[in-house]
Amino acid sequence: MIINVTVKHGSGKPEKNGDAITIHTDEPMKNNRANHDVIKQIAAYYNVEARNVRIIRGARRRNKLIEVNGL
């Protein structure tokens, strides 16, 4: 399953917006910490392991294309 994800700074729960999901993170972009937090939140949202979540496009952008396997 491939989903569009928008990442925003701050705290909050993941929000479903049609086909897209908005994720909030307080982690800094340094050392990929924000991306790891996004992957962790997506894995928890879909109830899969984090190793089944992969960023396909947009690793350095707010808008990301993420693949979730194991659904």
Protein backbone atom coordinates (compact mmCIF):
# COMPACT_ATOMS: atom_id res chain seq x y z
CA MET A 1 0.00 0.00 0.00
CA ILE A 2 1.38 3.41 -0.97
CA ILE A 3 0.24 6.54 0.89
CA ASN A 4 0.95 10.27 0.77
CA VAL A 5 2.20 11.71 4.05
CA THR A 6 2.52 15.35 5.05
CA VAL A 7 4.84 16.04 7.98
CA LYS A 8 4.26 19.01 10.27
CA HIS A 9 6.33 20.22 13.21
CA GLY A 10 4.70 19.92 16.61
CA SER A 11 2.89 17.31 18.60
CA GLY A 12 -0.38 15.62 17.84
CA LYS A 13 -1.98 12.45 16.56
CA PRO A 14 -1.89 11.30 12.93
CA GLU A 15 -4.81 12.74 10.95
CA LYS A 16 -6.39 11.05 7.93
CA ASN A 17 -7.20 13.47 5.09
CA GLY A 18 -8.81 11.46 2.31
CA ASP A 19 -6.00 9.36 0.83
CA ALA A 20 -3.26 11.26 2.70
CA ILE A 21 -2.14 11.27 6.33
CA THR A 22 -0.74 14.21 8.30
CA ILE A 23 1.94 13.31 10.85
CA HIS A 24 3.20 15.64 13.58
CA THR A 25 6.74 15.27 14.92
CA ASP A 26 8.91 17.17 17.40
CA GLU A 27 12.09 15.42 16.28
CA PRO A 28 14.76 17.48 14.49
CA MET A 29 15.61 16.81 10.85
CA LYS A 30 19.24 16.25 11.82
CA ASN A 31 20.55 12.67 11.48
CA ASN A 32 17.23 11.50 9.97
CA ARG A 33 15.53 11.55 13.37
CA ALA A 34 12.33 13.09 11.96
CA ASN A 35 12.08 10.41 9.26
CA HIS A 36 12.57 7.64 11.83
CA ASP A 37 9.80 9.15 13.95
CA VAL A 38 7.49 9.34 10.91
CA ILE A 39 8.17 5.68 10.11
CA LYS A 40 7.48 4.73 13.74
CA GLN A 41 4.18 6.64 13.78
CA ILE A 42 3.01 5.18 10.45
CA ALA A 43 3.87 1.67 11.67
CA ALA A 44 1.85 2.24 14.85
CA TYR A 45 -1.07 3.76 12.88
CA TYR A 46 -1.33 0.72 10.59
CA ASN A 47 -0.34 -1.77 13.32
CA VAL A 48 2.67 -3.19 11.43
CA GLU A 49 6.35 -3.41 12.30
CA ALA A 50 8.58 -0.45 11.44
CA ARG A 51 10.65 -2.59 9.08
CA ASN A 52 7.55 -2.89 6.85
CA VAL A 53 7.42 0.89 6.31
CA ARG A 54 9.66 2.54 3.70
CA ILE A 55 10.00 6.08 2.39
CA ILE A 56 9.89 5.88 -1.40
CA ARG A 57 10.10 9.58 -2.24
CA GLY A 58 10.57 12.80 -0.28
CA ALA A 59 13.07 11.87 2.40
CA ARG A 60 14.16 15.53 2.55
CA ARG A 61 10.74 17.09 2.07
CA ARG A 62 7.58 17.60 4.09
CA ASN A 63 5.50 15.67 1.55
CA LYS A 64 6.51 12.03 1.39
CA LEU A 65 5.43 8.95 -0.51
CA ILE A 66 5.53 5.96 1.85
CA GLU A 67 5.08 2.26 1.18
CA VAL A 68 3.54 0.06 3.88
CA ASN A 69 3.88 -3.72 3.52
CA GLY A 70 2.27 -6.43 5.61
CA LEU A 71 -1.31 -5.15 5.71
